[in-house]
Amino acid sequence: MKKFMGILAALSFATLPALAQGGRGEPQRAAAPRPAPREVGGGHIPAHGPPPTPARTTPAPAKAAPANYAHAAGHPNAPHVDAKTDTWVGIDTRRDEPGLKLATPWAHGHFPGEFGASHIYRLSGGTYRRFGFDGFFFSVAAADWGYCNDWLWDSDDVVVYEDPDHPGYYLAYNVRLGTYVHVEFMGN
């Protein structure tokens, strides 16, 4: 028995250097490089909502060309927030968009919840026509339906900001994607 314990102790001491080098005799590897921070989405939350857009000095063209929001490589062709600069891409070009004018702003009241970066809400189901979180319900503006096709209505995190240009609408920012849409509060 003493001989067995001696062999076991010798083997234990012999394996210590291998364990110190990464365990189980595997060579140590350099840590994988961290991915570069994403320019859109990926958990970035804008510190503040967009500033009011100045009024146009010339009238908007009667039929504007479709907007291209993918102004840089890796950016979506949807209204979004540039994570490097907190710039709300697309907010300035949509100020006078006819589809973002409500006949009766705040028809269902004002959103009584909290706004801004410190208040993250988890979507709890629905679709772009009616979705909710924390007992509050919203509807995406028809003009923005195409910009939320990849939202996960039962699990994405969103942050709500006030819309300084469109009375009756709020901006719902998707933390995962970095995109935002205009939403109307439907009540609680």
C-alpha atoms as a PDB file:
ATOM      1  CA  MET A   1       0.000   0.000   0.000  1.00  0.00           C
ATOM      2  CA  LYS A   2       2.899   2.331   0.822  1.00  0.00           C
ATOM      3  CA  LYS A   3       4.393   1.617  -2.591  1.00  0.00           C
ATOM      4  CA  PHE A   4       1.058   2.472  -4.301  1.00  0.00           C
ATOM      5  CA  MET A   5       0.762   5.781  -2.395  1.00  0.00           C
ATOM      6  CA  GLY A   6       4.349   6.666  -3.339  1.00  0.00           C
ATOM      7  CA  ILE A   7       3.661   6.065  -7.044  1.00  0.00           C
ATOM      8  CA  LEU A   8       0.441   8.107  -6.857  1.00  0.00           C
ATOM      9  CA  ALA A   9       2.273  11.006  -5.196  1.00  0.00           C
ATOM     10  CA  ALA A  10       5.049  10.906  -7.827  1.00  0.00           C
ATOM     11  CA  LEU A  11       2.512  10.952 -10.666  1.00  0.00           C
ATOM     12  CA  SER A  12       0.679  13.899  -9.045  1.00  0.00           C
ATOM     13  CA  PHE A  13       3.886  15.938  -8.872  1.00  0.00           C
ATOM     14  CA  ALA A  14       4.775  15.030 -12.460  1.00  0.00           C
ATOM     15  CA  THR A  15       1.453  16.386 -13.780  1.00  0.00           C
ATOM     16  CA  LEU A  16       1.642  19.765 -12.002  1.00  0.00           C
ATOM     17  CA  PRO A  17       3.700  21.495 -14.747  1.00  0.00           C
ATOM     18  CA  ALA A  18       1.227  20.313 -17.403  1.00  0.00           C
ATOM     19  CA  LEU A  19      -1.697  21.664 -15.409  1.00  0.00           C
ATOM     20  CA  ALA A  20       0.047  24.992 -14.942  1.00  0.00           C
ATOM     21  CA  GLN A  21       0.417  25.289 -18.729  1.00  0.00           C
ATOM     22  CA  GLY A  22      -3.264  24.950 -19.540  1.00  0.00           C
ATOM     23  CA  GLY A  23      -4.396  21.682 -18.068  1.00  0.00           C
ATOM     24  CA  ARG A  24      -4.517  18.157 -19.422  1.00  0.00           C
ATOM     25  CA  GLY A  25      -1.264  18.655 -21.297  1.00  0.00           C
ATOM     26  CA  GLU A  26      -2.866  20.979 -23.872  1.00  0.00           C
ATOM     27  CA  PRO A  27      -0.619  23.749 -25.136  1.00  0.00           C
ATOM     28  CA  GLN A  28      -1.589  27.240 -24.059  1.00  0.00           C
ATOM     29  CA  ARG A  29      -3.290  29.265 -26.757  1.00  0.00           C
ATOM     30  CA  ALA A  30      -3.518  32.987 -27.050  1.00  0.00           C
ATOM     31  CA  ALA A  31      -6.939  34.323 -26.187  1.00  0.00           C
ATOM     32  CA  ALA A  32      -9.168  34.818 -29.212  1.00  0.00           C
ATOM     33  CA  PRO A  33      -9.252  38.437 -30.303  1.00  0.00           C
ATOM     34  CA  ARG A  34     -12.324  40.305 -29.155  1.00  0.00           C
ATOM     35  CA  PRO A  35     -14.625  41.274 -31.980  1.00  0.00           C
ATOM     36  CA  ALA A  36     -14.619  44.930 -32.897  1.00  0.00           C
ATOM     37  CA  PRO A  37     -17.536  46.857 -31.415  1.00  0.00           C
ATOM     38  CA  ARG A  38     -20.518  46.874 -33.725  1.00  0.00           C
ATOM     39  CA  GLU A  39     -21.452  50.137 -35.362  1.00  0.00           C
ATOM     40  CA  VAL A  40     -25.176  49.382 -35.075  1.00  0.00           C
ATOM     41  CA  GLY A  41     -27.077  47.452 -32.408  1.00  0.00           C
ATOM     42  CA  GLY A  42     -25.367  44.656 -30.531  1.00  0.00           C
ATOM     43  CA  GLY A  43     -26.555  45.961 -27.174  1.00  0.00           C
ATOM     44  CA  HIS A  44     -25.685  49.637 -27.674  1.00  0.00           C
ATOM     45  CA  ILE A  45     -28.252  51.988 -26.142  1.00  0.00           C
ATOM     46  CA  PRO A  46     -28.280  55.641 -27.228  1.00  0.00           C
ATOM     47  CA  ALA A  47     -27.644  58.026 -24.350  1.00  0.00           C
ATOM     48  CA  HIS A  48     -30.481  60.289 -25.527  1.00  0.00           C
ATOM     49  CA  GLY A  49     -33.200  60.561 -28.120  1.00  0.00           C
ATOM     50  CA  PRO A  50     -32.830  62.544 -31.321  1.00  0.00           C
ATOM     51  CA  PRO A  51     -32.856  66.341 -31.308  1.00  0.00           C
ATOM     52  CA  PRO A  52     -35.723  68.138 -33.072  1.00  0.00           C
ATOM     53  CA  THR A  53     -35.177  68.377 -36.814  1.00  0.00           C
ATOM     54  CA  PRO A  54     -35.118  71.954 -38.145  1.00  0.00           C
ATOM     55  CA  ALA A  55     -38.033  72.869 -40.402  1.00  0.00           C
ATOM     56  CA  ARG A  56     -37.314  72.792 -44.127  1.00  0.00           C
ATOM     57  CA  THR A  57     -36.817  76.128 -45.814  1.00  0.00           C
ATOM     58  CA  THR A  58     -37.899  74.640 -49.158  1.00  0.00           C
ATOM     59  CA  PRO A  59     -40.860  72.313 -49.643  1.00  0.00           C
ATOM     60  CA  ALA A  60     -40.171  68.596 -49.849  1.00  0.00           C
ATOM     61  CA  PRO A  61     -40.366  67.081 -53.336  1.00  0.00           C
ATOM     62  CA  ALA A  62     -43.810  65.719 -54.206  1.00  0.00           C
ATOM     63  CA  LYS A  63     -42.425  62.214 -54.790  1.00  0.00           C
ATOM     64  CA  ALA A  64     -39.179  61.620 -52.960  1.00  0.00           C
ATOM     65  CA  ALA A  65     -36.839  58.783 -53.905  1.00  0.00           C
ATOM     66  CA  PRO A  66     -36.796  55.831 -51.496  1.00  0.00           C
ATOM     67  CA  ALA A  67     -34.409  56.498 -48.651  1.00  0.00           C
ATOM     68  CA  ASN A  68     -31.159  54.589 -48.326  1.00  0.00           C
ATOM     69  CA  TYR A  69     -30.307  54.368 -44.642  1.00  0.00           C
ATOM     70  CA  ALA A  70     -27.325  52.041 -45.156  1.00  0.00           C
ATOM     71  CA  HIS A  71     -24.924  54.991 -45.313  1.00  0.00           C
ATOM     72  CA  ALA A  72     -21.921  52.881 -44.274  1.00  0.00           C
ATOM     73  CA  ALA A  73     -20.798  49.272 -44.658  1.00  0.00           C
ATOM     74  CA  GLY A  74     -22.494  47.024 -42.111  1.00  0.00           C
ATOM     75  CA  HIS A  75     -25.367  49.441 -41.472  1.00  0.00           C
ATOM     76  CA  PRO A  76     -28.957  48.339 -42.124  1.00  0.00           C
ATOM     77  CA  ASN A  77     -31.170  49.932 -44.752  1.00  0.00           C
ATOM     78  CA  ALA A  78     -33.567  51.010 -42.019  1.00  0.00           C
ATOM     79  CA  PRO A  79     -33.694  53.938 -39.607  1.00  0.00           C
ATOM     80  CA  HIS A  80     -31.032  53.172 -36.994  1.00  0.00           C
ATOM     81  CA  VAL A  81     -28.627  54.665 -34.466  1.00  0.00           C
ATOM     82  CA  ASP A  82     -24.912  54.744 -35.254  1.00  0.00           C
ATOM     83  CA  ALA A  83     -23.342  53.291 -32.093  1.00  0.00           C
ATOM     84  CA  LYS A  84     -20.057  55.155 -32.539  1.00  0.00           C
ATOM     85  CA  THR A  85     -21.631  58.622 -32.636  1.00  0.00           C
ATOM     86  CA  ASP A  86     -25.165  58.116 -31.212  1.00  0.00           C
ATOM     87  CA  THR A  87     -26.460  59.675 -34.453  1.00  0.00           C
ATOM     88  CA  TRP A  88     -30.095  58.870 -35.257  1.00  0.00           C
ATOM     89  CA  VAL A  89     -29.782  57.982 -38.947  1.00  0.00           C
ATOM     90  CA  GLY A  90     -32.935  58.786 -40.919  1.00  0.00           C
ATOM     91  CA  ILE A  91     -34.627  61.019 -38.369  1.00  0.00           C
ATOM     92  CA  ASP A  92     -33.893  64.219 -40.295  1.00  0.00           C
ATOM     93  CA  THR A  93     -35.116  62.943 -43.668  1.00  0.00           C
ATOM     94  CA  ARG A  94     -38.492  61.831 -42.315  1.00  0.00           C
ATOM     95  CA  ARG A  95     -39.653  65.029 -40.608  1.00  0.00           C
ATOM     96  CA  ASP A  96     -42.305  65.874 -43.208  1.00  0.00           C
ATOM     97  CA  GLU A  97     -43.216  62.314 -44.202  1.00  0.00           C
ATOM     98  CA  PRO A  98     -47.014  62.188 -44.715  1.00  0.00           C
ATOM     99  CA  GLY A  99     -47.298  58.667 -43.231  1.00  0.00           C
ATOM    100  CA  LEU A 100     -46.059  59.995 -39.874  1.00  0.00           C
ATOM    101  CA  LYS A 101     -48.813  62.521 -39.275  1.00  0.00           C
ATOM    102  CA  LEU A 102     -51.623  61.493 -36.937  1.00  0.00           C
ATOM    103  CA  ALA A 103     -55.094  62.986 -37.321  1.00  0.00           C
ATOM    104  CA  THR A 104     -55.545  62.774 -33.545  1.00  0.00           C
ATOM    105  CA  PRO A 105     -52.215  62.739 -31.679  1.00  0.00           C
ATOM    106  CA  TRP A 106     -52.242  60.865 -28.356  1.00  0.00           C
ATOM    107  CA  ALA A 107     -55.745  59.487 -29.035  1.00  0.00           C
ATOM    108  CA  HIS A 108     -55.152  56.839 -26.347  1.00  0.00           C
ATOM    109  CA  GLY A 109     -53.289  59.127 -23.947  1.00  0.00           C
ATOM    110  CA  HIS A 110     -49.616  59.743 -23.288  1.00  0.00           C
ATOM    111  CA  PHE A 111     -47.233  56.907 -22.466  1.00  0.00           C
ATOM    112  CA  PRO A 112     -46.974  56.965 -18.637  1.00  0.00           C
ATOM    113  CA  GLY A 113     -43.830  54.809 -18.499  1.00  0.00           C
ATOM    114  CA  GLU A 114     -40.213  55.873 -18.335  1.00  0.00           C
ATOM    115  CA  PHE A 115     -38.140  57.130 -21.268  1.00  0.00           C
ATOM    116  CA  GLY A 116     -34.488  56.847 -22.183  1.00  0.00           C
ATOM    117  CA  ALA A 117     -31.414  54.735 -21.797  1.00  0.00           C
ATOM    118  CA  SER A 118     -31.954  53.780 -18.163  1.00  0.00           C
ATOM    119  CA  HIS A 119     -35.336  52.137 -18.885  1.00  0.00           C
ATOM    120  CA  ILE A 120     -35.059  48.957 -20.937  1.00  0.00           C
ATOM    121  CA  TYR A 121     -38.275  47.069 -21.651  1.00  0.00           C
ATOM    122  CA  ARG A 122     -38.579  43.431 -22.810  1.00  0.00           C
ATOM    123  CA  LEU A 123     -41.194  42.806 -25.516  1.00  0.00           C
ATOM    124  CA  SER A 124     -43.775  40.325 -24.276  1.00  0.00           C
ATOM    125  CA  GLY A 125     -45.615  39.361 -27.438  1.00  0.00           C
ATOM    126  CA  GLY A 126     -47.688  40.618 -30.306  1.00  0.00           C
ATOM    127  CA  THR A 127     -46.845  41.903 -33.776  1.00  0.00           C
ATOM    128  CA  TYR A 128     -46.110  45.247 -35.354  1.00  0.00           C
ATOM    129  CA  ARG A 129     -49.863  45.960 -35.289  1.00  0.00           C
ATOM    130  CA  ARG A 130     -50.048  45.627 -31.491  1.00  0.00           C
ATOM    131  CA  PHE A 131     -47.284  44.661 -29.089  1.00  0.00           C
ATOM    132  CA  GLY A 132     -46.715  45.116 -25.424  1.00  0.00           C
ATOM    133  CA  PHE A 133     -44.392  45.192 -22.453  1.00  0.00           C
ATOM    134  CA  ASP A 134     -44.978  45.801 -18.738  1.00  0.00           C
ATOM    135  CA  GLY A 135     -48.729  46.214 -19.320  1.00  0.00           C
ATOM    136  CA  PHE A 136     -48.282  48.980 -21.936  1.00  0.00           C
ATOM    137  CA  PHE A 137     -49.374  48.477 -25.545  1.00  0.00           C
ATOM    138  CA  PHE A 138     -48.178  50.114 -28.758  1.00  0.00           C
ATOM    139  CA  SER A 139     -48.679  49.948 -32.510  1.00  0.00           C
ATOM    140  CA  VAL A 140     -45.977  50.575 -35.131  1.00  0.00           C
ATOM    141  CA  ALA A 141     -46.744  53.385 -37.597  1.00  0.00           C
ATOM    142  CA  ALA A 142     -47.821  51.937 -40.962  1.00  0.00           C
ATOM    143  CA  ALA A 143     -44.973  53.860 -42.623  1.00  0.00           C
ATOM    144  CA  ASP A 144     -42.492  51.819 -40.528  1.00  0.00           C
ATOM    145  CA  TRP A 145     -43.932  48.295 -40.861  1.00  0.00           C
ATOM    146  CA  GLY A 146     -41.164  47.249 -43.248  1.00  0.00           C
ATOM    147  CA  TYR A 147     -38.462  48.330 -40.800  1.00  0.00           C
ATOM    148  CA  CYS A 148     -39.387  45.866 -38.044  1.00  0.00           C
ATOM    149  CA  ASN A 149     -39.646  42.551 -39.922  1.00  0.00           C
ATOM    150  CA  ASP A 150     -36.724  41.080 -37.973  1.00  0.00           C
ATOM    151  CA  TRP A 151     -37.860  42.155 -34.496  1.00  0.00           C
ATOM    152  CA  LEU A 152     -38.480  39.353 -32.006  1.00  0.00           C
ATOM    153  CA  TRP A 153     -41.834  40.418 -30.577  1.00  0.00           C
ATOM    154  CA  ASP A 154     -41.626  38.095 -27.586  1.00  0.00           C
ATOM    155  CA  SER A 155     -38.056  38.695 -26.428  1.00  0.00           C
ATOM    156  CA  ASP A 156     -36.277  41.772 -27.855  1.00  0.00           C
ATOM    157  CA  ASP A 157     -35.298  44.597 -25.546  1.00  0.00           C
ATOM    158  CA  VAL A 158     -36.499  48.077 -26.498  1.00  0.00           C
ATOM    159  CA  VAL A 159     -35.974  51.575 -25.191  1.00  0.00           C
ATOM    160  CA  VAL A 160     -38.642  54.227 -25.687  1.00  0.00           C
ATOM    161  CA  TYR A 161     -37.706  57.798 -26.594  1.00  0.00           C
ATOM    162  CA  GLU A 162     -39.908  60.804 -27.246  1.00  0.00           C
ATOM    163  CA  ASP A 163     -40.255  61.786 -30.903  1.00  0.00           C
ATOM    164  CA  PRO A 164     -39.543  65.522 -31.134  1.00  0.00           C
ATOM    165  CA  ASP A 165     -40.883  65.837 -34.702  1.00  0.00           C
ATOM    166  CA  HIS A 166     -44.106  63.795 -34.850  1.00  0.00           C
ATOM    167  CA  PRO A 167     -46.778  64.625 -32.234  1.00  0.00           C
ATOM    168  CA  GLY A 168     -48.445  61.476 -30.943  1.00  0.00           C
ATOM    169  CA  TYR A 169     -45.576  59.147 -31.834  1.00  0.00           C
ATOM    170  CA  TYR A 170     -42.726  57.755 -29.781  1.00  0.00           C
ATOM    171  CA  LEU A 171     -39.550  56.047 -30.997  1.00  0.00           C
ATOM    172  CA  ALA A 172     -39.056  52.398 -30.021  1.00  0.00           C
ATOM    173  CA  TYR A 173     -35.357  51.515 -30.300  1.00  0.00           C
ATOM    174  CA  ASN A 174     -34.450  47.815 -30.648  1.00  0.00           C
ATOM    175  CA  VAL A 175     -31.307  47.209 -28.568  1.00  0.00           C
ATOM    176  CA  ARG A 176     -30.325  44.003 -30.409  1.00  0.00           C
ATOM    177  CA  LEU A 177     -30.643  45.414 -33.931  1.00  0.00           C
ATOM    178  CA  GLY A 178     -29.965  49.113 -33.373  1.00  0.00           C
ATOM    179  CA  THR A 179     -32.995  50.067 -35.478  1.00  0.00           C
ATOM    180  CA  TYR A 180     -35.951  52.159 -34.425  1.00  0.00           C
ATOM    181  CA  VAL A 181     -39.552  52.644 -35.486  1.00  0.00           C
ATOM    182  CA  HIS A 182     -42.275  55.192 -34.797  1.00  0.00           C
ATOM    183  CA  VAL A 183     -44.893  53.806 -32.407  1.00  0.00           C
ATOM    184  CA  GLU A 184     -48.210  55.045 -31.101  1.00  0.00           C
ATOM    185  CA  PHE A 185     -49.212  54.362 -27.501  1.00  0.00           C
ATOM    186  CA  MET A 186     -52.426  52.303 -27.456  1.00  0.00           C
ATOM    187  CA  GLY A 187     -53.043  52.234 -23.705  1.00  0.00           C
ATOM    188  CA  ASN A 188     -52.479  49.964 -20.738  1.00  0.00           C
END
